[in-house]
PDB file of N, CA and C in Angstrom:
ATOM      1  N   UNK A   1       9.803   2.079  33.494  1.00  0.00           N
ATOM      2  CA  UNK A   1       9.461   1.928  32.268  1.00  0.00           C
ATOM      3  C   UNK A   1       9.204   3.665  31.868  1.00  0.00           C
ATOM      4  N   UNK A   2       9.601   4.092  30.630  1.00  0.00           N
ATOM      5  CA  UNK A   2       9.273   5.751  30.358  1.00  0.00           C
ATOM      6  C   UNK A   2       8.804   5.743  28.883  1.00  0.00           C
ATOM      7  N   UNK A   3       7.916   6.281  28.917  1.00  0.00           N
ATOM      8  CA  UNK A   3       7.029   6.552  27.518  1.00  0.00           C
ATOM      9  C   UNK A   3       7.600   7.526  26.773  1.00  0.00           C
ATOM     10  N   UNK A   4       8.240   7.489  25.587  1.00  0.00           N
ATOM     11  CA  UNK A   4       8.933   7.997  24.721  1.00  0.00           C
ATOM     12  C   UNK A   4       8.443   9.161  24.198  1.00  0.00           C
ATOM     13  N   UNK A   5       7.203   9.209  24.207  1.00  0.00           N
ATOM     14  CA  UNK A   5       6.453  10.165  23.579  1.00  0.00           C
ATOM     15  C   UNK A   5       6.118  11.296  24.887  1.00  0.00           C
ATOM     16  N   UNK A   6       5.646  11.084  25.619  1.00  0.00           N
ATOM     17  CA  UNK A   6       5.041  11.811  26.826  1.00  0.00           C
ATOM     18  C   UNK A   6       5.791  12.082  27.959  1.00  0.00           C
ATOM     19  N   UNK A   7       6.770  11.042  28.167  1.00  0.00           N
ATOM     20  CA  UNK A   7       7.592  11.099  29.285  1.00  0.00           C
ATOM     21  C   UNK A   7       7.286  10.514  30.366  1.00  0.00           C
ATOM     22  N   UNK A   8       6.235   9.724  30.651  1.00  0.00           N
ATOM     23  CA  UNK A   8       5.479   9.154  31.963  1.00  0.00           C
ATOM     24  C   UNK A   8       6.428   7.900  32.205  1.00  0.00           C
ATOM     25  N   UNK A   9       6.638   8.094  33.613  1.00  0.00           N
ATOM     26  CA  UNK A   9       7.340   7.129  34.108  1.00  0.00           C
ATOM     27  C   UNK A   9       6.347   5.927  34.732  1.00  0.00           C
ATOM     28  N   UNK A  10       6.608   4.637  34.802  1.00  0.00           N
ATOM     29  CA  UNK A  10       5.679   3.446  35.335  1.00  0.00           C
ATOM     30  C   UNK A  10       6.896   2.694  36.119  1.00  0.00           C
ATOM     31  N   UNK A  11       6.746   2.287  37.241  1.00  0.00           N
ATOM     32  CA  UNK A  11       7.737   1.339  37.756  1.00  0.00           C
ATOM     33  C   UNK A  11       7.259  -0.195  36.836  1.00  0.00           C
ATOM     34  N   UNK A  12       8.194  -0.759  36.667  1.00  0.00           N
ATOM     35  CA  UNK A  12       7.900  -2.071  36.094  1.00  0.00           C
ATOM     36  C   UNK A  12       7.659  -3.348  37.443  1.00  0.00           C
ATOM     37  N   UNK A  13       6.824  -4.014  37.387  1.00  0.00           N
ATOM     38  CA  UNK A  13       6.382  -5.137  38.593  1.00  0.00           C
ATOM     39  C   UNK A  13       7.109  -6.186  37.691  1.00  0.00           C
ATOM     40  N   UNK A  14       7.696  -7.201  38.484  1.00  0.00           N
ATOM     41  CA  UNK A  14       8.140  -8.361  37.818  1.00  0.00           C
ATOM     42  C   UNK A  14       7.009  -9.844  37.621  1.00  0.00           C
ATOM     43  N   UNK A  15       6.016  -9.305  38.256  1.00  0.00           N
ATOM     44  CA  UNK A  15       5.102 -10.294  38.331  1.00  0.00           C
ATOM     45  C   UNK A  15       3.701  -9.984  37.154  1.00  0.00           C
ATOM     46  N   UNK A  16       3.660  -8.512  36.655  1.00  0.00           N
ATOM     47  CA  UNK A  16       2.465  -8.227  35.754  1.00  0.00           C
ATOM     48  C   UNK A  16       3.374  -7.826  34.451  1.00  0.00           C
ATOM     49  N   UNK A  17       3.183  -9.243  33.363  1.00  0.00           N
ATOM     50  CA  UNK A  17       3.540  -8.646  32.214  1.00  0.00           C
ATOM     51  C   UNK A  17       3.078  -7.492  31.567  1.00  0.00           C
ATOM     52  N   UNK A  18       3.785  -6.940  30.634  1.00  0.00           N
ATOM     53  CA  UNK A  18       3.362  -5.858  30.051  1.00  0.00           C
ATOM     54  C   UNK A  18       2.862  -6.160  28.450  1.00  0.00           C
ATOM     55  N   UNK A  19       1.422  -5.602  27.797  1.00  0.00           N
ATOM     56  CA  UNK A  19       1.001  -6.179  26.467  1.00  0.00           C
ATOM     57  C   UNK A  19       0.803  -4.925  26.009  1.00  0.00           C
ATOM     58  N   UNK A  20       1.397  -4.840  24.762  1.00  0.00           N
ATOM     59  CA  UNK A  20       1.088  -3.707  23.768  1.00  0.00           C
ATOM     60  C   UNK A  20       0.207  -4.107  22.835  1.00  0.00           C
ATOM     61  N   UNK A  21      -1.214  -3.348  22.483  1.00  0.00           N
ATOM     62  CA  UNK A  21      -1.946  -3.891  21.431  1.00  0.00           C
ATOM     63  C   UNK A  21      -1.860  -2.571  20.487  1.00  0.00           C
ATOM     64  N   UNK A  22      -1.724  -2.799  19.509  1.00  0.00           N
ATOM     65  CA  UNK A  22      -1.795  -1.936  18.194  1.00  0.00           C
ATOM     66  C   UNK A  22      -2.884  -2.093  16.966  1.00  0.00           C
ATOM     67  N   UNK A  23      -3.091  -1.044  16.474  1.00  0.00           N
ATOM     68  CA  UNK A  23      -4.462  -1.228  15.907  1.00  0.00           C
ATOM     69  C   UNK A  23      -3.749  -1.591  14.210  1.00  0.00           C
ATOM     70  N   UNK A  24      -4.191  -2.321  13.655  1.00  0.00           N
ATOM     71  CA  UNK A  24      -3.750  -2.472  12.009  1.00  0.00           C
ATOM     72  C   UNK A  24      -4.440  -1.185  11.416  1.00  0.00           C
ATOM     73  N   UNK A  25      -3.745  -0.308  10.491  1.00  0.00           N
ATOM     74  CA  UNK A  25      -4.128   0.758   9.950  1.00  0.00           C
ATOM     75  C   UNK A  25      -4.635   0.112   8.737  1.00  0.00           C
ATOM     76  N   UNK A  26      -5.925   0.692   8.318  1.00  0.00           N
ATOM     77  CA  UNK A  26      -6.865   0.388   7.016  1.00  0.00           C
ATOM     78  C   UNK A  26      -6.312   1.322   5.583  1.00  0.00           C
ATOM     79  N   UNK A  27      -5.566   0.707   4.898  1.00  0.00           N
ATOM     80  CA  UNK A  27      -5.049   1.329   3.579  1.00  0.00           C
ATOM     81  C   UNK A  27      -6.104   1.631   2.487  1.00  0.00           C
ATOM     82  N   UNK A  28      -6.278   2.773   2.155  1.00  0.00           N
ATOM     83  CA  UNK A  28      -7.085   2.579   0.663  1.00  0.00           C
ATOM     84  C   UNK A  28      -6.189   2.978  -0.467  1.00  0.00           C
ATOM     85  N   UNK A  29      -6.202   2.413  -1.704  1.00  0.00           N
ATOM     86  CA  UNK A  29      -5.805   2.557  -2.998  1.00  0.00           C
ATOM     87  C   UNK A  29      -6.459   3.375  -3.592  1.00  0.00           C
ATOM     88  N   UNK A  30      -6.044   4.541  -4.060  1.00  0.00           N
ATOM     89  CA  UNK A  30      -6.754   5.473  -4.857  1.00  0.00           C
ATOM     90  C   UNK A  30      -7.168   4.811  -6.366  1.00  0.00           C
ATOM     91  N   UNK A  31      -8.347   4.928  -6.754  1.00  0.00           N
ATOM     92  CA  UNK A  31      -8.891   4.457  -7.842  1.00  0.00           C
ATOM     93  C   UNK A  31      -9.163   5.683  -8.872  1.00  0.00           C
ATOM     94  N   UNK A  32      -8.679   5.447  -9.890  1.00  0.00           N
ATOM     95  CA  UNK A  32      -8.261   6.574 -11.171  1.00  0.00           C
ATOM     96  C   UNK A  32      -9.743   6.285 -11.679  1.00  0.00           C
ATOM     97  N   UNK A  33     -10.983   7.495 -11.801  1.00  0.00           N
ATOM     98  CA  UNK A  33     -11.975   7.440 -12.343  1.00  0.00           C
ATOM     99  C   UNK A  33     -12.026   7.611 -14.100  1.00  0.00           C
ATOM    100  N   UNK A  34     -11.021   8.543 -14.679  1.00  0.00           N
ATOM    101  CA  UNK A  34     -11.082   8.187 -16.050  1.00  0.00           C
ATOM    102  C   UNK A  34      -9.914   7.204 -16.560  1.00  0.00           C
ATOM    103  N   UNK A  35     -10.381   6.666 -17.405  1.00  0.00           N
ATOM    104  CA  UNK A  35      -9.429   5.774 -18.080  1.00  0.00           C
ATOM    105  C   UNK A  35      -8.197   6.232 -18.650  1.00  0.00           C
ATOM    106  N   UNK A  36      -8.014   7.380 -19.441  1.00  0.00           N
ATOM    107  CA  UNK A  36      -6.943   7.645 -19.844  1.00  0.00           C
ATOM    108  C   UNK A  36      -6.303   8.583 -18.988  1.00  0.00           C
ATOM    109  N   UNK A  37      -6.858   9.459 -18.281  1.00  0.00           N
ATOM    110  CA  UNK A  37      -6.126  10.433 -17.345  1.00  0.00           C
ATOM    111  C   UNK A  37      -4.836  10.853 -17.367  1.00  0.00           C
ATOM    112  N   UNK A  38      -4.402  10.856 -18.689  1.00  0.00           N
ATOM    113  CA  UNK A  38      -3.016  11.085 -18.970  1.00  0.00           C
ATOM    114  C   UNK A  38      -1.936  10.429 -18.624  1.00  0.00           C
ATOM    115  N   UNK A  39      -1.933   8.984 -18.233  1.00  0.00           N
ATOM    116  CA  UNK A  39      -1.246   7.984 -17.904  1.00  0.00           C
ATOM    117  C   UNK A  39      -0.632   7.397 -18.844  1.00  0.00           C
ATOM    118  N   UNK A  40       0.632   6.884 -18.711  1.00  0.00           N
ATOM    119  CA  UNK A  40       1.436   6.101 -19.982  1.00  0.00           C
ATOM    120  C   UNK A  40       0.880   4.626 -19.763  1.00  0.00           C
ATOM    121  N   UNK A  41       1.119   3.878 -21.047  1.00  0.00           N
ATOM    122  CA  UNK A  41       0.932   2.715 -21.159  1.00  0.00           C
ATOM    123  C   UNK A  41       2.137   1.681 -21.210  1.00  0.00           C
ATOM    124  N   UNK A  42       1.729   0.506 -21.110  1.00  0.00           N
ATOM    125  CA  UNK A  42       2.753  -0.117 -21.116  1.00  0.00           C
ATOM    126  C   UNK A  42       2.423  -1.702 -21.400  1.00  0.00           C
ATOM    127  N   UNK A  43       3.558  -2.660 -21.660  1.00  0.00           N
ATOM    128  CA  UNK A  43       2.869  -4.091 -22.199  1.00  0.00           C
ATOM    129  C   UNK A  43       2.918  -4.609 -20.694  1.00  0.00           C
ATOM    130  N   UNK A  44       1.504  -5.334 -20.542  1.00  0.00           N
ATOM    131  CA  UNK A  44       1.717  -5.923 -19.306  1.00  0.00           C
ATOM    132  C   UNK A  44       0.229  -6.650 -19.635  1.00  0.00           C
ATOM    133  N   UNK A  45       0.246  -8.067 -19.193  1.00  0.00           N
ATOM    134  CA  UNK A  45      -1.025  -8.990 -19.635  1.00  0.00           C
ATOM    135  C   UNK A  45      -1.933  -9.096 -18.293  1.00  0.00           C
ATOM    136  N   UNK A  46      -3.086  -8.603 -18.832  1.00  0.00           N
ATOM    137  CA  UNK A  46      -4.018  -8.783 -17.510  1.00  0.00           C
ATOM    138  C   UNK A  46      -4.500 -10.008 -17.170  1.00  0.00           C
ATOM    139  N   UNK A  47      -4.646 -10.242 -15.805  1.00  0.00           N
ATOM    140  CA  UNK A  47      -4.759 -11.454 -15.386  1.00  0.00           C
ATOM    141  C   UNK A  47      -6.706 -11.678 -15.502  1.00  0.00           C
ATOM    142  N   UNK A  48      -7.240 -10.936 -16.046  1.00  0.00           N
ATOM    143  CA  UNK A  48      -8.518 -11.259 -16.160  1.00  0.00           C
ATOM    144  C   UNK A  48      -9.086 -11.683 -17.728  1.00  0.00           C
ATOM    145  N   UNK A  49      -8.401 -10.736 -18.672  1.00  0.00           N
ATOM    146  CA  UNK A  49      -9.030 -10.556 -20.072  1.00  0.00           C
ATOM    147  C   UNK A  49      -7.972 -11.180 -21.023  1.00  0.00           C
ATOM    148  N   UNK A  50      -6.706 -11.034 -20.497  1.00  0.00           N
ATOM    149  CA  UNK A  50      -5.341 -11.453 -21.140  1.00  0.00           C
ATOM    150  C   UNK A  50      -4.915 -10.107 -22.119  1.00  0.00           C
ATOM    151  N   UNK A  51      -5.730  -9.327 -22.155  1.00  0.00           N
ATOM    152  CA  UNK A  51      -5.125  -8.018 -23.104  1.00  0.00           C
ATOM    153  C   UNK A  51      -3.514  -7.607 -22.552  1.00  0.00           C
ATOM    154  N   UNK A  52      -2.856  -7.322 -23.446  1.00  0.00           N
ATOM    155  CA  UNK A  52      -1.438  -6.871 -23.342  1.00  0.00           C
ATOM    156  C   UNK A  52      -0.993  -5.585 -23.233  1.00  0.00           C
ATOM    157  N   UNK A  53      -2.155  -4.483 -23.150  1.00  0.00           N
ATOM    158  CA  UNK A  53      -1.825  -3.290 -22.852  1.00  0.00           C
ATOM    159  C   UNK A  53      -2.501  -2.675 -21.503  1.00  0.00           C
ATOM    160  N   UNK A  54      -1.809  -1.958 -20.921  1.00  0.00           N
ATOM    161  CA  UNK A  54      -2.268  -1.745 -19.414  1.00  0.00           C
ATOM    162  C   UNK A  54      -1.626   0.013 -18.925  1.00  0.00           C
ATOM    163  N   UNK A  55      -2.575   0.638 -18.491  1.00  0.00           N
ATOM    164  CA  UNK A  55      -1.931   1.927 -17.970  1.00  0.00           C
ATOM    165  C   UNK A  55      -0.987   1.533 -16.750  1.00  0.00           C
ATOM    166  N   UNK A  56      -0.146   2.508 -16.213  1.00  0.00           N
ATOM    167  CA  UNK A  56       0.541   2.022 -14.925  1.00  0.00           C
ATOM    168  C   UNK A  56       0.716   3.364 -13.936  1.00  0.00           C
ATOM    169  N   UNK A  57       0.880   3.359 -13.166  1.00  0.00           N
ATOM    170  CA  UNK A  57       1.302   4.535 -11.735  1.00  0.00           C
ATOM    171  C   UNK A  57       1.990   3.911 -11.071  1.00  0.00           C
ATOM    172  N   UNK A  58       2.920   4.770  -9.858  1.00  0.00           N
ATOM    173  CA  UNK A  58       3.275   4.059  -9.045  1.00  0.00           C
ATOM    174  C   UNK A  58       2.825   4.939  -7.804  1.00  0.00           C
ATOM    175  N   UNK A  59       2.796   4.355  -6.564  1.00  0.00           N
ATOM    176  CA  UNK A  59       2.196   4.838  -5.135  1.00  0.00           C
ATOM    177  C   UNK A  59       3.277   4.492  -4.095  1.00  0.00           C
ATOM    178  N   UNK A  60       3.705   5.266  -2.958  1.00  0.00           N
ATOM    179  CA  UNK A  60       4.607   4.804  -1.858  1.00  0.00           C
ATOM    180  C   UNK A  60       3.273   4.421  -0.869  1.00  0.00           C
ATOM    181  N   UNK A  61       3.330   3.156  -0.917  1.00  0.00           N
ATOM    182  CA  UNK A  61       2.150   2.538   0.020  1.00  0.00           C
ATOM    183  C   UNK A  61       2.837   2.471   1.646  1.00  0.00           C
ATOM    184  N   UNK A  62       4.012   2.091   1.463  1.00  0.00           N
ATOM    185  CA  UNK A  62       4.937   1.637   2.937  1.00  0.00           C
ATOM    186  C   UNK A  62       5.609   2.624   3.187  1.00  0.00           C
ATOM    187  N   UNK A  63       6.731   2.024   3.983  1.00  0.00           N
ATOM    188  CA  UNK A  63       7.695   3.024   4.602  1.00  0.00           C
ATOM    189  C   UNK A  63       8.548   3.585   3.568  1.00  0.00           C
ATOM    190  N   UNK A  64       9.193   5.068   3.588  1.00  0.00           N
ATOM    191  CA  UNK A  64       9.736   5.670   2.791  1.00  0.00           C
ATOM    192  C   UNK A  64      10.974   4.887   2.230  1.00  0.00           C
ATOM    193  N   UNK A  65      11.653   3.895   2.845  1.00  0.00           N
ATOM    194  CA  UNK A  65      12.640   3.036   2.597  1.00  0.00           C
ATOM    195  C   UNK A  65      12.369   2.111   2.174  1.00  0.00           C
ATOM    196  N   UNK A  66      11.059   1.729   1.753  1.00  0.00           N
ATOM    197  CA  UNK A  66      10.957   0.612   0.854  1.00  0.00           C
ATOM    198  C   UNK A  66      10.360   0.897  -0.445  1.00  0.00           C
ATOM    199  N   UNK A  67      10.608   0.187  -1.268  1.00  0.00           N
ATOM    200  CA  UNK A  67      10.159   0.483  -2.803  1.00  0.00           C
ATOM    201  C   UNK A  67       8.771   0.680  -3.279  1.00  0.00           C
ATOM    202  N   UNK A  68       8.449   1.550  -4.053  1.00  0.00           N
ATOM    203  CA  UNK A  68       7.202   1.702  -4.426  1.00  0.00           C
ATOM    204  C   UNK A  68       6.256   0.690  -5.111  1.00  0.00           C
ATOM    205  N   UNK A  69       4.945   0.650  -5.068  1.00  0.00           N
ATOM    206  CA  UNK A  69       4.120  -0.373  -5.886  1.00  0.00           C
ATOM    207  C   UNK A  69       3.659  -0.020  -6.951  1.00  0.00           C
ATOM    208  N   UNK A  70       3.588  -0.550  -7.991  1.00  0.00           N
ATOM    209  CA  UNK A  70       3.300  -0.425  -9.323  1.00  0.00           C
ATOM    210  C   UNK A  70       2.009  -1.084  -9.618  1.00  0.00           C
ATOM    211  N   UNK A  71       1.092  -0.167  -9.986  1.00  0.00           N
ATOM    212  CA  UNK A  71      -0.284  -0.420 -10.099  1.00  0.00           C
ATOM    213  C   UNK A  71      -0.309  -0.170 -11.787  1.00  0.00           C
ATOM    214  N   UNK A  72      -1.465  -1.335 -12.170  1.00  0.00           N
ATOM    215  CA  UNK A  72      -2.089  -1.271 -13.369  1.00  0.00           C
ATOM    216  C   UNK A  72      -3.041  -1.320 -13.719  1.00  0.00           C
ATOM    217  N   UNK A  73      -3.851  -0.553 -14.867  1.00  0.00           N
ATOM    218  CA  UNK A  73      -5.008  -0.765 -15.073  1.00  0.00           C
ATOM    219  C   UNK A  73      -5.414  -1.180 -16.562  1.00  0.00           C
ATOM    220  N   UNK A  74      -6.019  -2.304 -17.165  1.00  0.00           N
ATOM    221  CA  UNK A  74      -6.212  -2.810 -18.244  1.00  0.00           C
ATOM    222  C   UNK A  74      -6.733  -1.807 -19.310  1.00  0.00           C
ATOM    223  N   UNK A  75      -6.694  -1.720 -20.364  1.00  0.00           N
ATOM    224  CA  UNK A  75      -7.083  -0.704 -21.167  1.00  0.00           C
ATOM    225  C   UNK A  75      -8.193  -0.982 -21.974  1.00  0.00           C
ATOM    226  N   UNK A  76      -8.633  -2.457 -21.935  1.00  0.00           N
ATOM    227  CA  UNK A  76      -9.729  -3.064 -22.243  1.00  0.00           C
ATOM    228  C   UNK A  76     -10.944  -3.267 -21.404  1.00  0.00           C
ATOM    229  N   UNK A  77     -10.675  -4.059 -20.316  1.00  0.00           N
ATOM    230  CA  UNK A  77     -11.646  -4.184 -19.462  1.00  0.00           C
ATOM    231  C   UNK A  77     -11.573  -3.496 -18.112  1.00  0.00           C
ATOM    232  N   UNK A  78     -10.716  -2.635 -17.997  1.00  0.00           N
ATOM    233  CA  UNK A  78     -10.300  -1.832 -16.821  1.00  0.00           C
ATOM    234  C   UNK A  78     -10.144  -2.219 -15.415  1.00  0.00           C
ATOM    235  N   UNK A  79      -9.665  -4.092 -15.404  1.00  0.00           N
ATOM    236  CA  UNK A  79      -9.060  -4.440 -14.266  1.00  0.00           C
ATOM    237  C   UNK A  79      -7.970  -3.935 -13.710  1.00  0.00           C
ATOM    238  N   UNK A  80      -7.820  -3.790 -12.563  1.00  0.00           N
ATOM    239  CA  UNK A  80      -6.493  -2.887 -11.861  1.00  0.00           C
ATOM    240  C   UNK A  80      -5.785  -3.997 -10.816  1.00  0.00           C
ATOM    241  N   UNK A  81      -4.506  -4.173 -11.202  1.00  0.00           N
ATOM    242  CA  UNK A  81      -3.888  -5.105 -10.266  1.00  0.00           C
ATOM    243  C   UNK A  81      -2.701  -4.342  -9.902  1.00  0.00           C
ATOM    244  N   UNK A  82      -1.642  -5.040  -8.963  1.00  0.00           N
ATOM    245  CA  UNK A  82      -0.478  -4.332  -8.587  1.00  0.00           C
ATOM    246  C   UNK A  82       0.617  -5.202  -8.403  1.00  0.00           C
ATOM    247  N   UNK A  83       2.077  -4.582  -8.811  1.00  0.00           N
ATOM    248  CA  UNK A  83       3.407  -5.538  -8.295  1.00  0.00           C
ATOM    249  C   UNK A  83       4.015  -4.721  -7.343  1.00  0.00           C
ATOM    250  N   UNK A  84       4.740  -5.838  -6.721  1.00  0.00           N
ATOM    251  CA  UNK A  84       6.014  -5.177  -5.814  1.00  0.00           C
ATOM    252  C   UNK A  84       7.264  -5.374  -6.360  1.00  0.00           C
ATOM    253  N   UNK A  85       8.078  -4.709  -5.997  1.00  0.00           N
ATOM    254  CA  UNK A  85       9.215  -4.851  -6.901  1.00  0.00           C
ATOM    255  C   UNK A  85      10.309  -5.803  -5.468  1.00  0.00           C
TER     256      UNK A  85
END
């Protein structure tokens, strides 16, 4: 076996299984401090208070070939939620 990154070569033995462990990355979602912050508004029903107007913005959270995530923040109570396409 050959490491794609560093080129190190290790012979594979048939009686020793190879296990790879990866750590899950923690992702933080940016929180907007100012309510208006120049963001556009749209008609979206808040799941907390039922208000029908929310600020919205887009963020690329996954791989570049996947769609963006749409975030909403209620103009009344400030609740933030997201929508995946």
